[in-house]
Amino acid sequence: MTLEDTLAAEAPPLQLTQEGVLRIRGTRVPIDTVIGAYENGETPEEIVHHFSSLNVADVYAVVSYYLRHRSVMETYLQQRRERAAEIRRENEARFPSQGVRERLLARRNGSA
């Protein structure tokens, strides 16, 4: 193997699921999680420490991809945040939290 062979472009270790979620290839860890941790100041080594299915080289590659394609990635991440907020609103409408504490206390005390 020569130096020229090793300089070949390598695709980022990302996989788009059928649901449209971008995950680290070979794991269930979404890119949102990795980039969120990175943006919160965690190093790739710290991120790997929290997610044993990841490896340091892949996390560095994902962060590098994010930094090189920030505009596209920020659009994707914003869409994910909006979808998460939509799902949260739907769940809150279906399962209102008002009175939950009282219902749980009543259940615990055997009066429900």
Protein backbone atom coordinates (compact mmCIF):
# COMPACT_ATOMS: atom_id res chain seq x y z
CA MET A 1 0.00 0.00 0.00
CA THR A 2 1.33 3.42 -0.92
CA LEU A 3 0.75 6.86 0.50
CA GLU A 4 -1.43 7.65 -2.51
CA ASP A 5 -3.63 4.66 -1.67
CA THR A 6 -4.19 5.90 1.87
CA LEU A 7 -5.09 9.43 0.73
CA ALA A 8 -8.25 8.26 -1.03
CA ALA A 9 -11.41 10.07 0.06
CA GLU A 10 -13.39 8.22 2.68
CA ALA A 11 -17.12 8.66 3.17
CA PRO A 12 -18.23 9.73 6.66
CA PRO A 13 -19.48 6.87 8.84
CA LEU A 14 -23.10 7.96 8.54
CA GLN A 15 -26.24 6.04 7.68
CA LEU A 16 -29.67 7.49 6.88
CA THR A 17 -32.47 5.28 8.20
CA GLN A 18 -35.80 4.74 6.45
CA GLU A 19 -37.29 7.14 8.99
CA GLY A 20 -34.87 9.86 7.90
CA VAL A 21 -32.66 9.70 10.99
CA LEU A 22 -28.94 10.13 10.42
CA ARG A 23 -27.05 7.66 12.63
CA ILE A 24 -23.43 6.72 13.11
CA ARG A 25 -22.99 3.66 10.87
CA GLY A 26 -23.20 0.38 12.73
CA THR A 27 -24.80 1.96 15.80
CA ARG A 28 -28.13 3.33 16.92
CA VAL A 29 -26.55 6.64 17.96
CA PRO A 30 -28.05 9.57 16.03
CA ILE A 31 -25.78 12.31 14.78
CA ASP A 32 -27.89 14.74 16.84
CA THR A 33 -26.50 13.16 19.99
CA VAL A 34 -22.88 13.29 18.89
CA ILE A 35 -23.05 16.86 17.59
CA GLY A 36 -25.02 17.99 20.64
CA ALA A 37 -22.35 16.60 22.94
CA TYR A 38 -19.59 18.16 20.82
CA GLU A 39 -21.36 21.54 20.86
CA ASN A 40 -21.63 21.23 24.65
CA GLY A 41 -17.85 21.00 24.85
CA GLU A 42 -17.27 17.25 24.99
CA THR A 43 -14.26 15.85 23.19
CA PRO A 44 -14.64 12.87 20.86
CA GLU A 45 -12.97 10.74 23.55
CA GLU A 46 -15.57 11.84 26.12
CA ILE A 47 -18.39 11.14 23.69
CA VAL A 48 -17.06 7.60 23.10
CA HIS A 49 -16.84 7.13 26.87
CA HIS A 50 -20.61 7.78 27.08
CA PHE A 51 -21.50 5.62 24.07
CA SER A 52 -19.57 2.37 24.00
CA SER A 53 -20.88 1.45 20.54
CA LEU A 54 -18.92 4.38 19.06
CA ASN A 55 -15.23 4.55 18.28
CA VAL A 56 -13.02 7.63 18.42
CA ALA A 57 -12.12 7.65 14.72
CA ASP A 58 -15.80 7.65 13.71
CA VAL A 59 -16.65 10.45 16.13
CA TYR A 60 -13.80 12.57 14.79
CA ALA A 61 -14.99 11.83 11.23
CA VAL A 62 -18.58 12.82 12.08
CA VAL A 63 -17.46 16.04 13.78
CA SER A 64 -15.24 16.82 10.81
CA TYR A 65 -18.14 16.21 8.41
CA TYR A 66 -20.38 18.45 10.53
CA LEU A 67 -17.80 21.25 10.55
CA ARG A 68 -17.23 21.01 6.79
CA HIS A 69 -20.96 20.91 5.99
CA ARG A 70 -22.30 23.04 8.82
CA SER A 71 -25.03 24.77 6.80
CA VAL A 72 -26.60 21.53 5.56
CA MET A 73 -26.16 19.84 8.94
CA GLU A 74 -27.71 22.75 10.85
CA THR A 75 -30.73 22.58 8.54
CA TYR A 76 -31.04 18.85 9.24
CA LEU A 77 -30.62 19.33 13.00
CA GLN A 78 -33.21 22.14 13.05
CA GLN A 79 -35.70 19.90 11.23
CA ARG A 80 -35.05 17.19 13.82
CA ARG A 81 -35.62 19.66 16.69
CA GLU A 82 -38.87 20.81 15.09
CA ARG A 83 -40.05 17.23 14.63
CA ALA A 84 -39.16 16.40 18.24
CA ALA A 85 -41.17 19.42 19.44
CA GLU A 86 -44.11 18.33 17.28
CA ILE A 87 -44.02 14.81 18.73
CA ARG A 88 -43.76 16.25 22.25
CA ARG A 89 -46.86 18.42 21.65
CA GLU A 90 -48.77 15.43 20.24
CA ASN A 91 -47.87 13.31 23.26
CA GLU A 92 -48.79 16.06 25.70
CA ALA A 93 -52.16 16.42 23.97
CA ARG A 94 -52.76 12.66 24.10
CA PHE A 95 -51.46 12.21 27.64
CA PRO A 96 -51.98 15.43 29.60
CA SER A 97 -49.72 15.82 32.60
CA GLN A 98 -52.22 17.86 34.59
CA GLY A 99 -53.21 15.89 37.65
CA VAL A 100 -50.56 13.20 37.17
CA ARG A 101 -49.03 13.78 40.59
CA GLU A 102 -52.40 13.46 42.30
CA ARG A 103 -53.29 10.31 40.34
CA LEU A 104 -49.95 8.71 41.19
CA LEU A 105 -50.28 9.59 44.88
CA ALA A 106 -53.80 8.23 44.94
CA ARG A 107 -52.66 5.03 43.27
CA ARG A 108 -49.79 4.70 45.73
CA ASN A 109 -52.15 5.15 48.66
CA GLY A 110 -54.49 2.50 47.24
CA SER A 111 -57.42 4.81 46.69
CA ALA A 112 -57.47 4.67 42.89
